[in-house]
PDB file of N, CA and C in Angstrom:
ATOM      1  N   MET A   1       6.555  -1.659   4.801  1.00  0.00           N
ATOM      2  CA  MET A   1       5.979  -1.811   3.758  1.00  0.00           C
ATOM      3  C   MET A   1       4.514  -1.154   3.243  1.00  0.00           C
ATOM      4  N   GLN A   2       3.950  -1.167   4.719  1.00  0.00           N
ATOM      5  CA  GLN A   2       2.703  -0.106   5.075  1.00  0.00           C
ATOM      6  C   GLN A   2       2.453   0.511   4.481  1.00  0.00           C
ATOM      7  N   MET A   3       3.839   1.925   4.518  1.00  0.00           N
ATOM      8  CA  MET A   3       4.097   2.997   3.434  1.00  0.00           C
ATOM      9  C   MET A   3       3.887   3.423   2.284  1.00  0.00           C
ATOM     10  N   TYR A   4       4.557   1.897   1.749  1.00  0.00           N
ATOM     11  CA  TYR A   4       4.587   1.751   0.603  1.00  0.00           C
ATOM     12  C   TYR A   4       3.269   1.506  -0.216  1.00  0.00           C
ATOM     13  N   VAL A   5       2.468   0.681   0.400  1.00  0.00           N
ATOM     14  CA  VAL A   5       1.138   0.520  -0.034  1.00  0.00           C
ATOM     15  C   VAL A   5       0.152   1.369  -0.155  1.00  0.00           C
ATOM     16  N   ASN A   6       0.679   2.002   0.842  1.00  0.00           N
ATOM     17  CA  ASN A   6      -0.201   3.381   1.303  1.00  0.00           C
ATOM     18  C   ASN A   6      -0.132   4.730   0.227  1.00  0.00           C
ATOM     19  N   TYR A   7       1.263   4.587  -0.058  1.00  0.00           N
ATOM     20  CA  TYR A   7       1.617   5.474  -1.322  1.00  0.00           C
ATOM     21  C   TYR A   7       1.244   5.177  -2.351  1.00  0.00           C
ATOM     22  N   TYR A   8       1.293   4.269  -2.804  1.00  0.00           N
ATOM     23  CA  TYR A   8       0.980   3.545  -4.057  1.00  0.00           C
ATOM     24  C   TYR A   8      -0.899   3.633  -4.255  1.00  0.00           C
ATOM     25  N   THR A   9      -1.442   3.463  -2.698  1.00  0.00           N
ATOM     26  CA  THR A   9      -2.904   3.850  -3.196  1.00  0.00           C
ATOM     27  C   THR A   9      -3.048   5.310  -3.434  1.00  0.00           C
ATOM     28  N   SER A  10      -2.729   6.079  -2.364  1.00  0.00           N
ATOM     29  CA  SER A  10      -3.150   7.727  -2.895  1.00  0.00           C
ATOM     30  C   SER A  10      -2.845   8.392  -4.177  1.00  0.00           C
ATOM     31  N   GLU A  11      -1.278   7.609  -4.212  1.00  0.00           N
ATOM     32  CA  GLU A  11      -0.646   8.625  -5.194  1.00  0.00           C
ATOM     33  C   GLU A  11      -0.432   8.174  -6.602  1.00  0.00           C
ATOM     34  N   MET A  12      -0.602   6.654  -6.910  1.00  0.00           N
ATOM     35  CA  MET A  12      -0.578   5.889  -8.132  1.00  0.00           C
ATOM     36  C   MET A  12      -1.710   5.205  -8.861  1.00  0.00           C
ATOM     37  N   MET A  13      -2.706   4.930  -8.074  1.00  0.00           N
ATOM     38  CA  MET A  13      -4.171   4.482  -8.395  1.00  0.00           C
ATOM     39  C   MET A  13      -4.941   4.691  -9.460  1.00  0.00           C
ATOM     40  N   ASN A  14      -5.185   4.146  -9.923  1.00  0.00           N
ATOM     41  CA  ASN A  14      -6.349   4.700 -11.759  1.00  0.00           C
ATOM     42  C   ASN A  14      -7.469   4.293 -11.159  1.00  0.00           C
ATOM     43  N   GLU A  15      -8.160   4.929 -11.709  1.00  0.00           N
ATOM     44  CA  GLU A  15      -9.782   4.931 -11.230  1.00  0.00           C
ATOM     45  C   GLU A  15     -10.021   3.429 -11.897  1.00  0.00           C
ATOM     46  N   GLY A  16     -10.431   2.261 -11.408  1.00  0.00           N
ATOM     47  CA  GLY A  16     -11.328   0.668 -11.399  1.00  0.00           C
ATOM     48  C   GLY A  16      -9.819   0.347 -11.112  1.00  0.00           C
ATOM     49  N   ASP A  17      -9.229   0.488 -10.022  1.00  0.00           N
ATOM     50  CA  ASP A  17      -7.755  -0.364  -9.644  1.00  0.00           C
ATOM     51  C   ASP A  17      -8.355  -1.381  -8.698  1.00  0.00           C
ATOM     52  N   ARG A  18      -8.090  -2.362  -8.399  1.00  0.00           N
ATOM     53  CA  ARG A  18      -8.504  -2.673  -6.923  1.00  0.00           C
ATOM     54  C   ARG A  18      -7.222  -2.193  -6.094  1.00  0.00           C
ATOM     55  N   PHE A  19      -7.249  -2.274  -4.565  1.00  0.00           N
ATOM     56  CA  PHE A  19      -6.219  -2.169  -3.753  1.00  0.00           C
ATOM     57  C   PHE A  19      -5.042  -3.018  -4.061  1.00  0.00           C
ATOM     58  N   PRO A  20      -3.631  -2.230  -4.221  1.00  0.00           N
ATOM     59  CA  PRO A  20      -2.831  -3.055  -3.322  1.00  0.00           C
ATOM     60  C   PRO A  20      -2.547  -3.965  -2.344  1.00  0.00           C
ATOM     61  N   ILE A  21      -1.564  -4.865  -2.694  1.00  0.00           N
ATOM     62  CA  ILE A  21      -0.920  -5.743  -1.080  1.00  0.00           C
ATOM     63  C   ILE A  21       0.731  -5.658  -1.489  1.00  0.00           C
ATOM     64  N   GLY A  22       0.832  -5.502  -0.210  1.00  0.00           N
ATOM     65  CA  GLY A  22       2.760  -5.739  -0.357  1.00  0.00           C
ATOM     66  C   GLY A  22       2.527  -6.568   0.109  1.00  0.00           C
ATOM     67  N   ILE A  23       3.993  -8.273  -0.413  1.00  0.00           N
ATOM     68  CA  ILE A  23       4.584  -9.279   0.035  1.00  0.00           C
ATOM     69  C   ILE A  23       5.802  -8.928   0.201  1.00  0.00           C
ATOM     70  N   ILE A  24       6.119  -9.402   0.894  1.00  0.00           N
ATOM     71  CA  ILE A  24       7.556  -9.624   1.615  1.00  0.00           C
ATOM     72  C   ILE A  24       7.721 -10.954   1.964  1.00  0.00           C
ATOM     73  N   LEU A  25       8.902 -11.549   0.756  1.00  0.00           N
ATOM     74  CA  LEU A  25       9.407 -12.846   0.931  1.00  0.00           C
ATOM     75  C   LEU A  25      10.796 -13.058   1.368  1.00  0.00           C
ATOM     76  N   CYS A  26      11.134 -13.360   2.956  1.00  0.00           N
ATOM     77  CA  CYS A  26      12.460 -13.312   2.767  1.00  0.00           C
ATOM     78  C   CYS A  26      13.065 -14.538   3.492  1.00  0.00           C
ATOM     79  N   ALA A  27      14.435 -15.442   3.165  1.00  0.00           N
ATOM     80  CA  ALA A  27      14.835 -16.852   3.069  1.00  0.00           C
ATOM     81  C   ALA A  27      16.280 -16.518   3.674  1.00  0.00           C
ATOM     82  N   ASP A  28      16.714 -17.036   4.685  1.00  0.00           N
ATOM     83  CA  ASP A  28      18.068 -17.183   4.558  1.00  0.00           C
ATOM     84  C   ASP A  28      18.671 -18.555   5.207  1.00  0.00           C
ATOM     85  N   LYS A  29      19.649 -18.946   5.273  1.00  0.00           N
ATOM     86  CA  LYS A  29      19.540 -20.311   5.988  1.00  0.00           C
ATOM     87  C   LYS A  29      19.274 -21.432   6.946  1.00  0.00           C
ATOM     88  N   SER A  30      18.373 -20.785   7.779  1.00  0.00           N
ATOM     89  CA  SER A  30      17.865 -21.001   8.761  1.00  0.00           C
ATOM     90  C   SER A  30      16.203 -20.358   8.897  1.00  0.00           C
ATOM     91  N   ASP A  31      15.844 -19.836   8.141  1.00  0.00           N
ATOM     92  CA  ASP A  31      14.389 -19.288   7.889  1.00  0.00           C
ATOM     93  C   ASP A  31      14.037 -18.721   6.947  1.00  0.00           C
ATOM     94  N   SER A  32      13.071 -19.372   6.759  1.00  0.00           N
ATOM     95  CA  SER A  32      12.088 -17.872   5.880  1.00  0.00           C
ATOM     96  C   SER A  32      10.717 -17.621   6.314  1.00  0.00           C
ATOM     97  N   VAL A  33      10.478 -16.400   5.830  1.00  0.00           N
ATOM     98  CA  VAL A  33       9.491 -15.372   6.785  1.00  0.00           C
ATOM     99  C   VAL A  33       8.774 -15.036   5.431  1.00  0.00           C
ATOM    100  N   VAL A  34       7.361 -14.824   5.712  1.00  0.00           N
ATOM    101  CA  VAL A  34       6.613 -14.566   4.392  1.00  0.00           C
ATOM    102  C   VAL A  34       5.472 -13.330   5.209  1.00  0.00           C
ATOM    103  N   LYS A  35       5.184 -12.228   4.999  1.00  0.00           N
ATOM    104  CA  LYS A  35       4.693 -11.024   5.752  1.00  0.00           C
ATOM    105  C   LYS A  35       4.112 -10.520   4.548  1.00  0.00           C
ATOM    106  N   TYR A  36       2.272  -9.829   4.604  1.00  0.00           N
ATOM    107  CA  TYR A  36       1.556  -8.939   3.594  1.00  0.00           C
ATOM    108  C   TYR A  36       1.395  -8.131   4.484  1.00  0.00           C
ATOM    109  N   THR A  37       0.709  -7.109   3.506  1.00  0.00           N
ATOM    110  CA  THR A  37       0.493  -6.020   4.365  1.00  0.00           C
ATOM    111  C   THR A  37      -0.956  -5.659   3.621  1.00  0.00           C
ATOM    112  N   LEU A  38      -2.085  -4.998   3.653  1.00  0.00           N
ATOM    113  CA  LEU A  38      -3.315  -3.986   3.071  1.00  0.00           C
ATOM    114  C   LEU A  38      -2.679  -2.408   3.064  1.00  0.00           C
ATOM    115  N   PRO A  39      -3.506  -2.192   2.431  1.00  0.00           N
ATOM    116  CA  PRO A  39      -3.863  -0.827   2.362  1.00  0.00           C
ATOM    117  C   PRO A  39      -5.002  -0.190   3.627  1.00  0.00           C
ATOM    118  N   GLU A  40      -4.392   0.959   4.504  1.00  0.00           N
ATOM    119  CA  GLU A  40      -5.223   1.073   5.679  1.00  0.00           C
ATOM    120  C   GLU A  40      -6.192   0.771   5.602  1.00  0.00           C
ATOM    121  N   ASP A  41      -7.038   0.271   6.882  1.00  0.00           N
ATOM    122  CA  ASP A  41      -8.383   0.336   7.336  1.00  0.00           C
ATOM    123  C   ASP A  41      -9.106  -0.518   6.002  1.00  0.00           C
ATOM    124  N   ASN A  42      -8.001  -1.675   6.051  1.00  0.00           N
ATOM    125  CA  ASN A  42      -8.494  -2.878   4.482  1.00  0.00           C
ATOM    126  C   ASN A  42      -8.177  -4.452   4.543  1.00  0.00           C
ATOM    127  N   SER A  43      -9.713  -4.638   5.178  1.00  0.00           N
ATOM    128  CA  SER A  43      -9.526  -6.521   5.620  1.00  0.00           C
ATOM    129  C   SER A  43      -9.564  -7.326   4.577  1.00  0.00           C
ATOM    130  N   GLN A  44     -10.046  -6.485   3.427  1.00  0.00           N
ATOM    131  CA  GLN A  44     -10.463  -7.773   2.307  1.00  0.00           C
ATOM    132  C   GLN A  44      -9.214  -7.985   1.369  1.00  0.00           C
ATOM    133  N   ILE A  45      -9.098  -8.481   0.963  1.00  0.00           N
ATOM    134  CA  ILE A  45      -8.244  -9.245  -0.657  1.00  0.00           C
ATOM    135  C   ILE A  45      -8.943  -9.697  -1.989  1.00  0.00           C
ATOM    136  N   PHE A  46      -8.471  -8.980  -2.632  1.00  0.00           N
ATOM    137  CA  PHE A  46      -9.336  -9.415  -4.150  1.00  0.00           C
ATOM    138  C   PHE A  46      -8.200  -9.709  -4.869  1.00  0.00           C
ATOM    139  N   ALA A  47      -8.268 -10.524  -5.345  1.00  0.00           N
ATOM    140  CA  ALA A  47      -7.079 -11.267  -6.012  1.00  0.00           C
ATOM    141  C   ALA A  47      -7.482 -11.621  -7.103  1.00  0.00           C
ATOM    142  N   SER A  48      -6.611 -11.102  -8.265  1.00  0.00           N
ATOM    143  CA  SER A  48      -6.929 -11.847  -9.434  1.00  0.00           C
ATOM    144  C   SER A  48      -7.889 -12.073 -10.051  1.00  0.00           C
ATOM    145  N   LYS A  49      -8.712 -12.065 -11.085  1.00  0.00           N
ATOM    146  CA  LYS A  49      -9.406 -13.032 -11.867  1.00  0.00           C
ATOM    147  C   LYS A  49      -8.975 -14.623 -12.354  1.00  0.00           C
ATOM    148  N   TYR A  50      -7.713 -14.451 -12.195  1.00  0.00           N
ATOM    149  CA  TYR A  50      -6.951 -15.855 -12.811  1.00  0.00           C
ATOM    150  C   TYR A  50      -6.878 -16.448 -11.285  1.00  0.00           C
ATOM    151  N   LYS A  51      -6.678 -15.796 -10.487  1.00  0.00           N
ATOM    152  CA  LYS A  51      -6.638 -16.638  -8.879  1.00  0.00           C
ATOM    153  C   LYS A  51      -7.812 -17.019  -7.952  1.00  0.00           C
ATOM    154  N   LEU A  52      -7.849 -18.326  -7.812  1.00  0.00           N
ATOM    155  CA  LEU A  52      -9.108 -18.517  -6.666  1.00  0.00           C
ATOM    156  C   LEU A  52      -9.237 -17.856  -5.595  1.00  0.00           C
ATOM    157  N   TYR A  53      -7.330 -17.579  -4.787  1.00  0.00           N
ATOM    158  CA  TYR A  53      -7.252 -17.509  -3.543  1.00  0.00           C
ATOM    159  C   TYR A  53      -5.956 -16.483  -3.109  1.00  0.00           C
ATOM    160  N   MET A  54      -5.957 -15.947  -2.251  1.00  0.00           N
ATOM    161  CA  MET A  54      -4.637 -15.635  -1.960  1.00  0.00           C
ATOM    162  C   MET A  54      -3.755 -16.503  -0.952  1.00  0.00           C
ATOM    163  N   PRO A  55      -2.562 -17.279  -1.732  1.00  0.00           N
ATOM    164  CA  PRO A  55      -1.881 -18.189  -0.664  1.00  0.00           C
ATOM    165  C   PRO A  55      -2.088 -17.690   0.856  1.00  0.00           C
ATOM    166  N   THR A  56      -1.743 -18.307   1.706  1.00  0.00           N
ATOM    167  CA  THR A  56      -1.264 -18.074   3.280  1.00  0.00           C
ATOM    168  C   THR A  56       0.055 -17.922   3.176  1.00  0.00           C
ATOM    169  N   GLU A  57       0.238 -17.074   4.643  1.00  0.00           N
ATOM    170  CA  GLU A  57       1.781 -17.044   4.690  1.00  0.00           C
ATOM    171  C   GLU A  57       2.636 -18.455   4.836  1.00  0.00           C
ATOM    172  N   GLU A  58       2.007 -19.303   5.643  1.00  0.00           N
ATOM    173  CA  GLU A  58       2.160 -20.994   5.585  1.00  0.00           C
ATOM    174  C   GLU A  58       2.526 -21.333   4.090  1.00  0.00           C
ATOM    175  N   GLU A  59       1.514 -21.186   3.174  1.00  0.00           N
ATOM    176  CA  GLU A  59       1.985 -21.709   2.392  1.00  0.00           C
ATOM    177  C   GLU A  59       2.832 -21.209   1.117  1.00  0.00           C
ATOM    178  N   LEU A  60       3.160 -19.613   1.294  1.00  0.00           N
ATOM    179  CA  LEU A  60       4.380 -19.384   0.651  1.00  0.00           C
ATOM    180  C   LEU A  60       5.804 -19.877   1.392  1.00  0.00           C
ATOM    181  N   LYS A  61       5.664 -19.636   2.304  1.00  0.00           N
ATOM    182  CA  LYS A  61       7.084 -19.957   3.410  1.00  0.00           C
ATOM    183  C   LYS A  61       7.561 -21.209   2.826  1.00  0.00           C
ATOM    184  N   ARG A  62       6.637 -22.030   2.344  1.00  0.00           N
ATOM    185  CA  ARG A  62       6.931 -23.840   1.593  1.00  0.00           C
ATOM    186  C   ARG A  62       7.169 -23.711   0.270  1.00  0.00           C
ATOM    187  N   GLU A  63       6.716 -22.607  -0.274  1.00  0.00           N
ATOM    188  CA  GLU A  63       6.944 -22.261  -1.473  1.00  0.00           C
ATOM    189  C   GLU A  63       8.349 -21.969  -1.801  1.00  0.00           C
ATOM    190  N   LEU A  64       8.699 -20.926  -0.913  1.00  0.00           N
ATOM    191  CA  LEU A  64       9.810 -20.517  -0.806  1.00  0.00           C
ATOM    192  C   LEU A  64      11.064 -21.146  -0.230  1.00  0.00           C
ATOM    193  N   GLU A  65      10.703 -22.350   0.917  1.00  0.00           N
ATOM    194  CA  GLU A  65      12.015 -23.018   1.437  1.00  0.00           C
ATOM    195  C   GLU A  65      11.970 -24.045   0.066  1.00  0.00           C
ATOM    196  N   LYS A  66      10.793 -24.131  -0.669  1.00  0.00           N
ATOM    197  CA  LYS A  66      11.147 -25.469  -1.314  1.00  0.00           C
ATOM    198  C   LYS A  66      12.186 -24.630  -2.887  1.00  0.00           C
ATOM    199  N   GLU A  67      12.130 -23.408  -3.176  1.00  0.00           N
ATOM    200  CA  GLU A  67      12.847 -22.891  -4.323  1.00  0.00           C
ATOM    201  C   GLU A  67      14.046 -22.615  -3.888  1.00  0.00           C
ATOM    202  N   GLN A  68      14.703 -22.121  -2.581  1.00  0.00           N
ATOM    203  CA  GLN A  68      15.650 -22.224  -2.015  1.00  0.00           C
ATOM    204  C   GLN A  68      16.358 -23.438  -2.084  1.00  0.00           C
ATOM    205  N   GLU A  69      15.672 -24.629  -1.743  1.00  0.00           N
ATOM    206  CA  GLU A  69      16.108 -26.135  -1.476  1.00  0.00           C
ATOM    207  C   GLU A  69      17.027 -26.084  -3.011  1.00  0.00           C
ATOM    208  N   LEU A  70      15.944 -26.069  -4.235  1.00  0.00           N
ATOM    209  CA  LEU A  70      16.510 -26.179  -5.413  1.00  0.00           C
ATOM    210  C   LEU A  70      17.149 -25.376  -6.087  1.00  0.00           C
ATOM    211  N   LEU A  71      17.776 -23.719  -5.514  1.00  0.00           N
ATOM    212  CA  LEU A  71      18.496 -23.316  -5.932  1.00  0.00           C
ATOM    213  C   LEU A  71      20.326 -23.819  -4.964  1.00  0.00           C
ATOM    214  N   GLU A  72      19.775 -24.060  -3.817  1.00  0.00           N
ATOM    215  CA  GLU A  72      20.834 -24.856  -3.276  1.00  0.00           C
ATOM    216  C   GLU A  72      21.233 -26.044  -3.623  1.00  0.00           C
ATOM    217  N   THR A  73      20.814 -26.980  -4.211  1.00  0.00           N
ATOM    218  CA  THR A  73      20.981 -28.622  -4.880  1.00  0.00           C
ATOM    219  C   THR A  73      21.294 -27.975  -6.225  1.00  0.00           C
ATOM    220  N   GLY A  74      21.133 -26.670  -6.946  1.00  0.00           N
ATOM    221  CA  GLY A  74      21.464 -26.630  -8.166  1.00  0.00           C
ATOM    222  C   GLY A  74      20.729 -27.044  -9.062  1.00  0.00           C
ATOM    223  N   GLN A  75      19.214 -27.646  -8.781  1.00  0.00           N
ATOM    224  CA  GLN A  75      18.345 -27.968  -9.751  1.00  0.00           C
ATOM    225  C   GLN A  75      17.591 -27.557 -10.388  1.00  0.00           C
ATOM    226  N   LYS A  76      16.852 -27.235 -11.583  1.00  0.00           N
ATOM    227  CA  LYS A  76      16.427 -26.463 -12.631  1.00  0.00           C
ATOM    228  C   LYS A  76      15.011 -26.419 -11.752  1.00  0.00           C
ATOM    229  N   LEU A  77      14.363 -25.040 -12.303  1.00  0.00           N
ATOM    230  CA  LEU A  77      13.350 -24.680 -11.060  1.00  0.00           C
ATOM    231  C   LEU A  77      12.241 -25.011 -11.967  1.00  0.00           C
TER     232      LEU A  77
END
């Protein structure tokens, strides 16, 4: 994922764009995994002006598990 974020940063960004982040959401029957990455040497995340904060890995994991449970039980999202 870091490679893709670095490529996008160096090759695809336009003037005035904020740095990208990469988010991986994976789920299987026994586990959910959430990871994110930032451009190299960058430790800050600037969220969209419509968001007050970036969800934590744990918050994303809970949301992923909730959606997976809804899908498995056939409930509407």
